[in-house]
Protein backbone atom coordinates (compact mmCIF):
# COMPACT_ATOMS: atom_id res chain seq x y z
CA MET A 1 -7.41 -11.15 11.46
CA ILE A 2 -9.72 -10.15 8.64
CA LEU A 3 -9.47 -7.66 5.80
CA ARG A 4 -12.67 -5.77 5.04
CA LYS A 5 -13.72 -2.74 3.06
CA ALA A 6 -13.42 0.45 5.04
CA VAL A 7 -16.44 2.59 5.82
CA MET A 8 -16.55 6.31 6.64
CA ASP A 9 -16.80 5.51 10.37
CA ASP A 10 -13.28 4.03 10.08
CA LEU A 11 -11.82 7.33 8.88
CA PRO A 12 -10.54 8.65 12.25
CA LEU A 13 -8.70 5.40 13.02
CA ILE A 14 -7.34 5.14 9.48
CA MET A 15 -5.97 8.68 9.77
CA GLU A 16 -4.46 7.84 13.16
CA ILE A 17 -2.61 4.89 11.59
CA ILE A 18 -1.50 7.06 8.65
CA ASP A 19 -0.21 9.70 11.09
CA GLN A 20 1.69 7.04 13.05
CA ALA A 21 3.28 5.80 9.82
CA ARG A 22 4.10 9.37 8.78
CA PHE A 23 5.87 9.92 12.13
CA TYR A 24 7.74 6.60 11.81
CA LEU A 25 8.97 7.56 8.34
CA LYS A 26 10.11 10.98 9.56
CA GLU A 27 11.90 9.44 12.56
CA ASN A 28 13.75 7.14 10.17
CA GLY A 29 14.80 9.91 7.79
CA VAL A 30 12.42 8.94 4.99
CA ASP A 31 11.00 11.89 3.08
CA GLN A 32 7.80 10.05 2.20
CA TRP A 33 4.31 11.12 3.35
CA GLN A 34 5.81 14.30 4.84
CA ASP A 35 3.91 16.73 2.61
CA GLY A 36 0.37 16.02 3.80
CA TYR A 37 -0.15 12.99 1.58
CA PRO A 38 -2.11 10.89 2.10
CA SER A 39 -4.67 13.41 3.28
CA GLU A 40 -8.07 12.84 4.82
CA CYS A 41 -9.51 13.71 1.38
CA ASP A 42 -7.42 10.95 -0.23
CA ILE A 43 -8.71 8.38 2.26
CA LYS A 44 -12.32 9.60 1.95
CA SER A 45 -12.01 9.21 -1.82
CA ASP A 46 -10.60 5.68 -1.41
CA ILE A 47 -13.53 4.75 0.86
CA ALA A 48 -16.12 6.30 -1.49
CA LYS A 49 -14.66 4.41 -4.48
CA GLY A 50 -14.59 1.12 -2.54
CA ASN A 51 -10.78 0.97 -2.68
CA SER A 52 -10.00 1.36 1.03
CA TYR A 53 -9.49 -1.75 3.14
CA VAL A 54 -8.74 -2.22 6.83
CA LEU A 55 -7.15 -5.09 8.71
CA VAL A 56 -9.14 -5.90 11.84
CA SER A 57 -8.07 -8.04 14.80
CA GLU A 58 -10.48 -8.70 17.65
CA GLU A 59 -12.64 -5.78 16.47
CA MET A 60 -9.61 -3.44 16.55
CA LEU A 61 -8.56 -1.69 13.35
CA ILE A 62 -4.80 -2.29 13.02
CA GLY A 63 -3.95 -1.71 9.36
CA THR A 64 -5.05 0.10 6.24
CA ALA A 65 -4.39 -0.01 2.50
CA ALA A 66 -5.89 1.13 -0.77
CA VAL A 67 -6.30 -1.71 -3.27
CA ILE A 68 -7.16 -0.67 -6.81
CA PHE A 69 -8.11 -2.94 -9.72
CA ASP A 70 -8.34 -0.54 -12.67
CA GLY A 71 -4.67 0.20 -13.26
CA GLU A 72 -2.33 2.99 -12.24
CA LYS A 73 -1.47 5.62 -14.83
CA THR A 74 1.96 6.34 -13.34
CA TYR A 75 2.83 2.68 -14.00
CA SER A 76 2.41 3.05 -17.77
CA TYR A 77 6.05 4.18 -18.06
CA ILE A 78 8.77 2.36 -16.16
CA GLU A 79 12.54 2.58 -16.37
CA GLY A 80 12.83 -1.18 -16.26
CA LYS A 81 10.28 -3.88 -17.03
CA TRP A 82 7.17 -5.17 -15.30
CA LEU A 83 6.95 -8.93 -14.80
CA THR A 84 3.66 -9.12 -16.72
CA GLU A 85 1.54 -6.99 -19.00
CA GLY A 86 -1.65 -8.59 -17.67
CA SER A 87 -4.23 -7.27 -15.24
CA TYR A 88 -2.85 -6.24 -11.86
CA GLY A 89 -3.96 -4.92 -8.51
CA THR A 90 -2.26 -1.81 -7.18
CA VAL A 91 -1.56 -1.27 -3.48
CA HIS A 92 -1.18 2.27 -2.16
CA ARG A 93 -1.23 3.92 1.26
CA ILE A 94 -0.45 0.73 3.18
CA ALA A 95 0.27 1.10 6.91
CA VAL A 96 -0.15 -0.71 10.22
CA SER A 97 -0.61 0.83 13.64
CA SER A 98 2.55 1.53 15.61
CA ALA A 99 1.38 -0.98 18.25
CA HIS A 100 1.33 -3.71 15.58
CA ARG A 101 4.57 -2.89 13.77
CA ASN A 102 6.96 -5.87 13.65
CA THR A 103 4.24 -8.32 14.78
CA GLY A 104 3.57 -9.89 11.37
CA ALA A 105 0.35 -7.90 10.90
CA ALA A 106 1.60 -6.25 7.70
CA GLY A 107 2.46 -9.65 6.22
CA ILE A 108 -0.97 -11.00 7.12
CA MET A 109 -2.57 -7.93 5.54
CA MET A 110 -0.56 -8.47 2.34
CA GLU A 111 -1.65 -12.14 2.24
CA HIS A 112 -5.29 -11.00 2.44
CA ILE A 113 -4.65 -8.41 -0.29
CA GLU A 114 -3.13 -11.11 -2.52
CA LYS A 115 -6.24 -13.28 -2.05
CA LEU A 116 -8.44 -10.28 -2.84
CA CYS A 117 -6.49 -9.61 -6.03
CA MET A 118 -6.75 -13.25 -7.10
CA GLU A 119 -10.51 -13.23 -6.42
CA ASN A 120 -10.71 -10.22 -8.74
CA LYS A 121 -8.88 -12.14 -11.50
CA MET A 122 -5.66 -10.13 -11.25
CA LEU A 123 -2.43 -11.76 -12.45
CA SER A 124 -0.18 -9.77 -10.13
CA ILE A 125 0.13 -6.99 -7.55
CA ARG A 126 2.14 -3.82 -8.14
CA ILE A 127 3.34 -1.39 -5.51
CA ASP A 128 5.87 1.42 -5.30
CA THR A 129 7.84 3.04 -2.51
CA HIS A 130 10.37 5.79 -1.81
CA GLU A 131 13.97 4.69 -2.37
CA ASP A 132 14.86 5.67 1.23
CA ASN A 133 12.06 3.53 2.71
CA LYS A 134 14.32 0.57 3.43
CA PRO A 135 11.89 -1.13 5.87
CA MET A 136 9.20 -1.18 3.15
CA ARG A 137 11.66 -2.43 0.54
CA ARG A 138 12.72 -5.29 2.85
CA PHE A 139 9.07 -6.07 3.60
CA LEU A 140 8.19 -6.25 -0.10
CA GLU A 141 11.12 -8.54 -0.85
CA LYS A 142 10.18 -10.75 2.12
CA CYS A 143 6.64 -10.98 0.70
CA GLY A 144 8.00 -12.17 -2.65
CA PHE A 145 7.84 -8.93 -4.64
CA LYS A 146 10.48 -8.36 -7.31
CA PHE A 147 12.05 -4.99 -8.03
CA CYS A 148 11.07 -4.02 -11.58
CA GLY A 149 12.44 -0.50 -12.05
CA ILE A 150 11.77 3.18 -11.49
CA ILE A 151 8.45 4.97 -11.97
CA TYR A 152 7.67 8.65 -11.55
CA LEU A 153 4.66 10.07 -9.75
CA GLU A 154 2.60 12.84 -11.34
CA ASP A 155 4.70 15.45 -9.48
CA GLY A 156 7.90 13.93 -10.90
CA SER A 157 8.95 12.17 -7.69
CA LYS A 158 10.94 8.99 -8.26
CA ARG A 159 9.67 5.70 -6.80
CA LEU A 160 10.95 2.14 -6.80
CA ALA A 161 8.42 -0.18 -8.43
CA TYR A 162 7.77 -3.78 -7.40
CA GLU A 163 5.53 -6.55 -8.67
CA LYS A 164 4.51 -9.99 -7.49
CA LEU A 165 3.03 -12.62 -9.80
CA PHE A 166 0.47 -15.17 -8.64
């Protein structure tokens, strides 16, 4: 499996994976991604900025994530404490196809993202999730992320914030 930058031709498959993840969250009673976010416009913007990545296995797109290296303004205030004040990569909009859920693909994608962050001289990775998204919380802890506190999105929504040092 490889992680590569997404291109506009990947957009339909990325949106299919996002829609599968949205359905999975809804089925599991998680009120995350149920309001139209992330939208096609969000993903197009990620691709245009060079922040969208896809996990590919045997030429099949099986995962997607936005990886950002210039900070996250909603992370400037945290009810808690980050592990470091140094440079960090931010992961948003991470999802794997329903056919590849529980196969280890998400863990492989996160390993690739960690390498990408290290190559870009980041000291850590930060990520946030909805408090009801227990599968994501377990996944982050399994990947070595530490819970750091609560952050609030621009719309005031509460999120659990995690960080992993390298």
